[in-house]
């Protein structure tokens, strides 16, 4: 788990880059001007869909690996 937070208080601009496992996401937001409110909504939608897809792939991969492991142990 690696996370990097870069914050500039003057313009109230902060960039959050976080990697949880192998699921990275980037959030760029300006609080003062709220320039990225629409962009953030779009990014959150894309992020949500991407996470759902990645979690599905991850879940299927885990199930497959657990099945292989179980069969190997039984054998």
PDB file of N, CA and C in Angstrom:
ATOM      1  N   UNK A   1       0.847  -1.192   0.000  1.00  0.00           N
ATOM      2  CA  UNK A   1       0.000   0.000   0.000  1.00  0.00           C
ATOM      3  C   UNK A   1       0.882   1.242   0.000  1.00  0.00           C
ATOM      4  N   UNK A   2       0.799   1.949  -1.073  1.00  0.00           N
ATOM      5  CA  UNK A   2       1.593   3.156  -1.240  1.00  0.00           C
ATOM      6  C   UNK A   2       0.654   4.318  -1.472  1.00  0.00           C
ATOM      7  N   UNK A   3       0.845   5.375  -0.711  1.00  0.00           N
ATOM      8  CA  UNK A   3       0.032   6.549  -0.971  1.00  0.00           C
ATOM      9  C   UNK A   3       0.872   7.802  -0.869  1.00  0.00           C
ATOM     10  N   UNK A   4       0.624   8.710  -1.787  1.00  0.00           N
ATOM     11  CA  UNK A   4       1.362   9.961  -1.857  1.00  0.00           C
ATOM     12  C   UNK A   4       0.357  11.095  -1.810  1.00  0.00           C
ATOM     13  N   UNK A   5       0.592  12.051  -0.929  1.00  0.00           N
ATOM     14  CA  UNK A   5      -0.286  13.210  -0.832  1.00  0.00           C
ATOM     15  C   UNK A   5       0.560  14.455  -1.038  1.00  0.00           C
ATOM     16  N   UNK A   6       0.203  15.242  -2.037  1.00  0.00           N
ATOM     17  CA  UNK A   6       0.875  16.504  -2.300  1.00  0.00           C
ATOM     18  C   UNK A   6      -0.159  17.599  -2.125  1.00  0.00           C
ATOM     19  N   UNK A   7       0.126  18.563  -1.241  1.00  0.00           N
ATOM     20  CA  UNK A   7      -0.864  19.584  -0.941  1.00  0.00           C
ATOM     21  C   UNK A   7      -0.213  20.960  -1.005  1.00  0.00           C
ATOM     22  N   UNK A   8      -0.889  21.868  -1.707  1.00  0.00           N
ATOM     23  CA  UNK A   8      -0.489  23.268  -1.747  1.00  0.00           C
ATOM     24  C   UNK A   8      -1.605  24.057  -1.090  1.00  0.00           C
ATOM     25  N   UNK A   9      -1.293  24.666   0.074  1.00  0.00           N
ATOM     26  CA  UNK A   9      -2.336  25.331   0.849  1.00  0.00           C
ATOM     27  C   UNK A   9      -2.714  26.660   0.217  1.00  0.00           C
ATOM     28  N   UNK A  10      -1.765  27.329  -0.439  1.00  0.00           N
ATOM     29  CA  UNK A  10      -2.037  28.654  -0.996  1.00  0.00           C
ATOM     30  C   UNK A  10      -3.222  28.655  -1.943  1.00  0.00           C
ATOM     31  N   UNK A  11      -3.189  27.796  -2.943  1.00  0.00           N
ATOM     32  CA  UNK A  11      -4.285  27.739  -3.909  1.00  0.00           C
ATOM     33  C   UNK A  11      -5.319  26.688  -3.529  1.00  0.00           C
ATOM     34  N   UNK A  12      -5.087  26.019  -2.431  1.00  0.00           N
ATOM     35  CA  UNK A  12      -5.966  24.935  -1.990  1.00  0.00           C
ATOM     36  C   UNK A  12      -6.097  23.871  -3.070  1.00  0.00           C
ATOM     37  N   UNK A  13      -4.973  23.539  -3.655  1.00  0.00           N
ATOM     38  CA  UNK A  13      -4.945  22.493  -4.674  1.00  0.00           C
ATOM     39  C   UNK A  13      -4.265  21.279  -4.070  1.00  0.00           C
ATOM     40  N   UNK A  14      -4.911  20.140  -4.146  1.00  0.00           N
ATOM     41  CA  UNK A  14      -4.252  18.952  -3.645  1.00  0.00           C
ATOM     42  C   UNK A  14      -4.424  17.801  -4.619  1.00  0.00           C
ATOM     43  N   UNK A  15      -3.388  17.011  -4.710  1.00  0.00           N
ATOM     44  CA  UNK A  15      -3.370  15.859  -5.599  1.00  0.00           C
ATOM     45  C   UNK A  15      -3.159  14.628  -4.731  1.00  0.00           C
ATOM     46  N   UNK A  16      -4.016  13.658  -4.882  1.00  0.00           N
ATOM     47  CA  UNK A  16      -3.893  12.416  -4.140  1.00  0.00           C
ATOM     48  C   UNK A  16      -3.671  11.288  -5.138  1.00  0.00           C
ATOM     49  N   UNK A  17      -2.547  10.613  -4.988  1.00  0.00           N
ATOM     50  CA  UNK A  17      -2.266   9.452  -5.812  1.00  0.00           C
ATOM     51  C   UNK A  17      -2.121   8.272  -4.868  1.00  0.00           C
ATOM     52  N   UNK A  18      -2.995   7.316  -4.983  1.00  0.00           N
ATOM     53  CA  UNK A  18      -3.010   6.206  -4.049  1.00  0.00           C
ATOM     54  C   UNK A  18      -3.082   4.894  -4.813  1.00  0.00           C
ATOM     55  N   UNK A  19      -2.262   3.948  -4.387  1.00  0.00           N
ATOM     56  CA  UNK A  19      -2.284   2.626  -4.983  1.00  0.00           C
ATOM     57  C   UNK A  19      -2.613   1.632  -3.880  1.00  0.00           C
ATOM     58  N   UNK A  20      -3.750   0.971  -4.004  1.00  0.00           N
ATOM     59  CA  UNK A  20      -4.152  -0.046  -3.039  1.00  0.00           C
ATOM     60  C   UNK A  20      -4.081  -1.377  -3.779  1.00  0.00           C
ATOM     61  N   UNK A  21      -3.128  -2.200  -3.390  1.00  0.00           N
ATOM     62  CA  UNK A  21      -2.932  -3.441  -4.117  1.00  0.00           C
ATOM     63  C   UNK A  21      -2.497  -3.112  -5.535  1.00  0.00           C
ATOM     64  N   UNK A  22      -3.329  -3.398  -6.513  1.00  0.00           N
ATOM     65  CA  UNK A  22      -3.019  -3.049  -7.892  1.00  0.00           C
ATOM     66  C   UNK A  22      -4.145  -2.202  -8.471  1.00  0.00           C
ATOM     67  N   UNK A  23      -4.812  -1.433  -7.589  1.00  0.00           N
ATOM     68  CA  UNK A  23      -5.898  -0.576  -8.054  1.00  0.00           C
ATOM     69  C   UNK A  23      -5.498   0.874  -7.810  1.00  0.00           C
ATOM     70  N   UNK A  24      -4.974   1.548  -8.830  1.00  0.00           N
ATOM     71  CA  UNK A  24      -4.596   2.943  -8.645  1.00  0.00           C
ATOM     72  C   UNK A  24      -5.729   3.897  -9.014  1.00  0.00           C
ATOM     73  N   UNK A  25      -5.814   4.994  -8.329  1.00  0.00           N
ATOM     74  CA  UNK A  25      -6.718   6.047  -8.748  1.00  0.00           C
ATOM     75  C   UNK A  25      -6.125   7.395  -8.394  1.00  0.00           C
ATOM     76  N   UNK A  26      -6.463   8.384  -9.200  1.00  0.00           N
ATOM     77  CA  UNK A  26      -5.931   9.725  -9.043  1.00  0.00           C
ATOM     78  C   UNK A  26      -7.103  10.675  -8.855  1.00  0.00           C
ATOM     79  N   UNK A  27      -7.013  11.507  -7.832  1.00  0.00           N
ATOM     80  CA  UNK A  27      -8.036  12.512  -7.579  1.00  0.00           C
ATOM     81  C   UNK A  27      -7.355  13.872  -7.599  1.00  0.00           C
ATOM     82  N   UNK A  28      -7.808  14.733  -8.488  1.00  0.00           N
ATOM     83  CA  UNK A  28      -7.294  16.089  -8.557  1.00  0.00           C
ATOM     84  C   UNK A  28      -8.473  17.019  -8.327  1.00  0.00           C
ATOM     85  N   UNK A  29      -8.389  17.849  -7.290  1.00  0.00           N
ATOM     86  CA  UNK A  29      -9.523  18.684  -6.938  1.00  0.00           C
ATOM     87  C   UNK A  29      -9.033  20.044  -6.444  1.00  0.00           C
ATOM     88  N   UNK A  30      -9.722  21.082  -6.887  1.00  0.00           N
ATOM     89  CA  UNK A  30      -9.469  22.422  -6.381  1.00  0.00           C
ATOM     90  C   UNK A  30     -10.677  22.844  -5.569  1.00  0.00           C
ATOM     91  N   UNK A  31     -10.477  23.071  -4.265  1.00  0.00           N
ATOM     92  CA  UNK A  31     -11.594  23.374  -3.382  1.00  0.00           C
ATOM     93  C   UNK A  31     -12.056  24.813  -3.571  1.00  0.00           C
ATOM     94  N   UNK A  32     -11.099  25.750  -3.657  1.00  0.00           N
ATOM     95  CA  UNK A  32     -11.465  27.164  -3.695  1.00  0.00           C
ATOM     96  C   UNK A  32     -12.346  27.501  -4.882  1.00  0.00           C
ATOM     97  N   UNK A  33     -11.917  27.102  -6.074  1.00  0.00           N
ATOM     98  CA  UNK A  33     -12.651  27.494  -7.279  1.00  0.00           C
ATOM     99  C   UNK A  33     -13.655  26.429  -7.701  1.00  0.00           C
ATOM    100  N   UNK A  34     -13.468  25.219  -7.214  1.00  0.00           N
ATOM    101  CA  UNK A  34     -14.328  24.087  -7.587  1.00  0.00           C
ATOM    102  C   UNK A  34     -14.379  23.937  -9.106  1.00  0.00           C
ATOM    103  N   UNK A  35     -13.201  24.000  -9.724  1.00  0.00           N
ATOM    104  CA  UNK A  35     -13.145  23.910 -11.176  1.00  0.00           C
ATOM    105  C   UNK A  35     -13.417  22.492 -11.656  1.00  0.00           C
ATOM    106  N   UNK A  36     -13.086  21.521 -10.796  1.00  0.00           N
ATOM    107  CA  UNK A  36     -13.115  20.143 -11.259  1.00  0.00           C
ATOM    108  C   UNK A  36     -14.326  19.392 -10.736  1.00  0.00           C
ATOM    109  N   UNK A  37     -15.379  20.102 -10.347  1.00  0.00           N
ATOM    110  CA  UNK A  37     -16.532  19.407  -9.784  1.00  0.00           C
ATOM    111  C   UNK A  37     -17.159  18.479 -10.825  1.00  0.00           C
ATOM    112  N   UNK A  38     -17.352  18.998 -12.041  1.00  0.00           N
ATOM    113  CA  UNK A  38     -17.931  18.151 -13.089  1.00  0.00           C
ATOM    114  C   UNK A  38     -16.951  17.063 -13.488  1.00  0.00           C
ATOM    115  N   UNK A  39     -15.676  17.438 -13.580  1.00  0.00           N
ATOM    116  CA  UNK A  39     -14.657  16.453 -13.928  1.00  0.00           C
ATOM    117  C   UNK A  39     -14.584  15.369 -12.866  1.00  0.00           C
ATOM    118  N   UNK A  40     -14.689  15.772 -11.603  1.00  0.00           N
ATOM    119  CA  UNK A  40     -14.636  14.795 -10.518  1.00  0.00           C
ATOM    120  C   UNK A  40     -15.806  13.824 -10.594  1.00  0.00           C
ATOM    121  N   UNK A  41     -16.997  14.337 -10.913  1.00  0.00           N
ATOM    122  CA  UNK A  41     -18.147  13.442 -11.039  1.00  0.00           C
ATOM    123  C   UNK A  41     -17.894  12.413 -12.129  1.00  0.00           C
ATOM    124  N   UNK A  42     -17.342  12.885 -13.256  1.00  0.00           N
ATOM    125  CA  UNK A  42     -17.050  11.973 -14.357  1.00  0.00           C
ATOM    126  C   UNK A  42     -15.974  10.978 -13.950  1.00  0.00           C
ATOM    127  N   UNK A  43     -14.924  11.490 -13.275  1.00  0.00           N
ATOM    128  CA  UNK A  43     -13.835  10.612 -12.857  1.00  0.00           C
ATOM    129  C   UNK A  43     -14.312   9.588 -11.843  1.00  0.00           C
ATOM    130  N   UNK A  44     -15.193  10.008 -10.933  1.00  0.00           N
ATOM    131  CA  UNK A  44     -15.707   9.080  -9.931  1.00  0.00           C
ATOM    132  C   UNK A  44     -16.532   7.988 -10.596  1.00  0.00           C
ATOM    133  N   UNK A  45     -17.285   8.352 -11.641  1.00  0.00           N
ATOM    134  CA  UNK A  45     -18.062   7.347 -12.362  1.00  0.00           C
ATOM    135  C   UNK A  45     -17.136   6.350 -13.038  1.00  0.00           C
ATOM    136  N   UNK A  46     -16.124   6.876 -13.729  1.00  0.00           N
ATOM    137  CA  UNK A  46     -15.164   6.000 -14.399  1.00  0.00           C
ATOM    138  C   UNK A  46     -14.425   5.152 -13.373  1.00  0.00           C
ATOM    139  N   UNK A  47     -14.039   5.798 -12.260  1.00  0.00           N
ATOM    140  CA  UNK A  47     -13.305   5.100 -11.201  1.00  0.00           C
ATOM    141  C   UNK A  47     -14.152   3.985 -10.614  1.00  0.00           C
ATOM    142  N   UNK A  48     -15.439   4.273 -10.384  1.00  0.00           N
ATOM    143  CA  UNK A  48     -16.326   3.274  -9.814  1.00  0.00           C
ATOM    144  C   UNK A  48     -16.470   2.083 -10.760  1.00  0.00           C
ATOM    145  N   UNK A  49     -16.680   2.377 -12.051  1.00  0.00           N
ATOM    146  CA  UNK A  49     -16.841   1.291 -13.014  1.00  0.00           C
ATOM    147  C   UNK A  49     -15.556   0.498 -13.145  1.00  0.00           C
ATOM    148  N   UNK A  50     -14.417   1.212 -13.170  1.00  0.00           N
ATOM    149  CA  UNK A  50     -13.131   0.527 -13.290  1.00  0.00           C
ATOM    150  C   UNK A  50     -12.890  -0.354 -12.078  1.00  0.00           C
ATOM    151  N   UNK A  51     -13.189   0.164 -10.889  1.00  0.00           N
ATOM    152  CA  UNK A  51     -13.000  -0.618  -9.670  1.00  0.00           C
ATOM    153  C   UNK A  51     -13.888  -1.846  -9.667  1.00  0.00           C
ATOM    154  N   UNK A  52     -15.146  -1.691 -10.102  1.00  0.00           N
ATOM    155  CA  UNK A  52     -16.044  -2.836 -10.145  1.00  0.00           C
ATOM    156  C   UNK A  52     -15.496  -3.905 -11.075  1.00  0.00           C
ATOM    157  N   UNK A  53     -14.983  -3.459 -12.238  1.00  0.00           N
ATOM    158  CA  UNK A  53     -14.433  -4.400 -13.202  1.00  0.00           C
ATOM    159  C   UNK A  53     -13.195  -5.077 -12.635  1.00  0.00           C
ATOM    160  N   UNK A  54     -12.298  -4.279 -12.016  1.00  0.00           N
ATOM    161  CA  UNK A  54     -11.069  -4.838 -11.459  1.00  0.00           C
ATOM    162  C   UNK A  54     -11.374  -5.799 -10.322  1.00  0.00           C
ATOM    163  N   UNK A  55     -12.362  -5.443  -9.484  1.00  0.00           N
ATOM    164  CA  UNK A  55     -12.721  -6.322  -8.378  1.00  0.00           C
ATOM    165  C   UNK A  55     -13.300  -7.627  -8.899  1.00  0.00           C
ATOM    166  N   UNK A  56     -14.056  -7.558 -10.002  1.00  0.00           N
ATOM    167  CA  UNK A  56     -14.603  -8.775 -10.597  1.00  0.00           C
ATOM    168  C   UNK A  56     -13.483  -9.667 -11.099  1.00  0.00           C
ATOM    169  N   UNK A  57     -12.539  -9.057 -11.831  1.00  0.00           N
ATOM    170  CA  UNK A  57     -11.408  -9.832 -12.346  1.00  0.00           C
ATOM    171  C   UNK A  57     -10.599 -10.412 -11.193  1.00  0.00           C
ATOM    172  N   UNK A  58     -10.362  -9.581 -10.168  1.00  0.00           N
ATOM    173  CA  UNK A  58      -9.577 -10.015  -9.009  1.00  0.00           C
ATOM    174  C   UNK A  58     -10.282 -11.161  -8.296  1.00  0.00           C
ATOM    175  N   UNK A  59     -11.599 -11.046  -8.144  1.00  0.00           N
ATOM    176  CA  UNK A  59     -12.375 -12.080  -7.468  1.00  0.00           C
ATOM    177  C   UNK A  59     -12.312 -13.390  -8.252  1.00  0.00           C
ATOM    178  N   UNK A  60     -12.481 -13.293  -9.580  1.00  0.00           N
ATOM    179  CA  UNK A  60     -12.445 -14.503 -10.392  1.00  0.00           C
ATOM    180  C   UNK A  60     -11.067 -15.139 -10.345  1.00  0.00           C
ATOM    181  N   UNK A  61     -10.025 -14.296 -10.391  1.00  0.00           N
ATOM    182  CA  UNK A  61      -8.659 -14.822 -10.329  1.00  0.00           C
ATOM    183  C   UNK A  61      -8.427 -15.517  -8.998  1.00  0.00           C
ATOM    184  N   UNK A  62      -8.887 -14.901  -7.914  1.00  0.00           N
ATOM    185  CA  UNK A  62      -8.731 -15.503  -6.591  1.00  0.00           C
ATOM    186  C   UNK A  62      -9.476 -16.825  -6.504  1.00  0.00           C
ATOM    187  N   UNK A  63     -10.695 -16.870  -7.035  1.00  0.00           N
ATOM    188  CA  UNK A  63     -11.470 -18.105  -6.999  1.00  0.00           C
ATOM    189  C   UNK A  63     -10.754 -19.207  -7.765  1.00  0.00           C
ATOM    190  N   UNK A  64     -10.207 -18.841  -8.936  1.00  0.00           N
ATOM    191  CA  UNK A  64      -9.499 -19.817  -9.746  1.00  0.00           C
ATOM    192  C   UNK A  64      -8.262 -20.314  -9.016  1.00  0.00           C
ATOM    193  N   UNK A  65      -7.507 -19.395  -8.411  1.00  0.00           N
ATOM    194  CA  UNK A  65      -6.293 -19.783  -7.691  1.00  0.00           C
ATOM    195  C   UNK A  65      -6.629 -20.653  -6.488  1.00  0.00           C
ATOM    196  N   UNK A  66      -7.702 -20.309  -5.780  1.00  0.00           N
ATOM    197  CA  UNK A  66      -8.094 -21.105  -4.618  1.00  0.00           C
ATOM    198  C   UNK A  66      -8.536 -22.496  -5.046  1.00  0.00           C
ATOM    199  N   UNK A  67      -9.213 -22.586  -6.189  1.00  0.00           N
ATOM    200  CA  UNK A  67      -9.631 -23.887  -6.695  1.00  0.00           C
ATOM    201  C   UNK A  67      -8.414 -24.738  -7.034  1.00  0.00           C
ATOM    202  N   UNK A  68      -7.457 -24.126  -7.748  1.00  0.00           N
ATOM    203  CA  UNK A  68      -6.240 -24.854  -8.097  1.00  0.00           C
ATOM    204  C   UNK A  68      -5.502 -25.298  -6.833  1.00  0.00           C
ATOM    205  N   UNK A  69      -5.424 -24.410  -5.854  1.00  0.00           N
ATOM    206  CA  UNK A  69      -4.714 -24.704  -4.610  1.00  0.00           C
ATOM    207  C   UNK A  69      -5.408 -25.843  -3.871  1.00  0.00           C
ATOM    208  N   UNK A  70      -6.731 -25.790  -3.837  1.00  0.00           N
ATOM    209  CA  UNK A  70      -7.493 -26.821  -3.145  1.00  0.00           C
ATOM    210  C   UNK A  70      -7.290 -28.181  -3.815  1.00  0.00           C
ATOM    211  N   UNK A  71      -7.346 -28.187  -5.144  1.00  0.00           N
ATOM    212  CA  UNK A  71      -7.172 -29.449  -5.859  1.00  0.00           C
ATOM    213  C   UNK A  71      -5.758 -29.983  -5.663  1.00  0.00           C
ATOM    214  N   UNK A  72      -4.788 -29.080  -5.678  1.00  0.00           N
ATOM    215  CA  UNK A  72      -3.402 -29.506  -5.485  1.00  0.00           C
ATOM    216  C   UNK A  72      -3.220 -30.088  -4.089  1.00  0.00           C
ATOM    217  N   UNK A  73      -3.818 -29.448  -3.102  1.00  0.00           N
ATOM    218  CA  UNK A  73      -3.717 -29.951  -1.734  1.00  0.00           C
ATOM    219  C   UNK A  73      -4.382 -31.315  -1.604  1.00  0.00           C
ATOM    220  N   UNK A  74      -5.540 -31.479  -2.219  1.00  0.00           N
ATOM    221  CA  UNK A  74      -6.231 -32.759  -2.147  1.00  0.00           C
ATOM    222  C   UNK A  74      -5.420 -33.841  -2.844  1.00  0.00           C
ATOM    223  N   UNK A  75      -4.799 -33.469  -3.946  1.00  0.00           N
ATOM    224  CA  UNK A  75      -3.994 -34.427  -4.677  1.00  0.00           C
ATOM    225  C   UNK A  75      -2.725 -34.736  -3.894  1.00  0.00           C
TER     226      UNK A  75
END
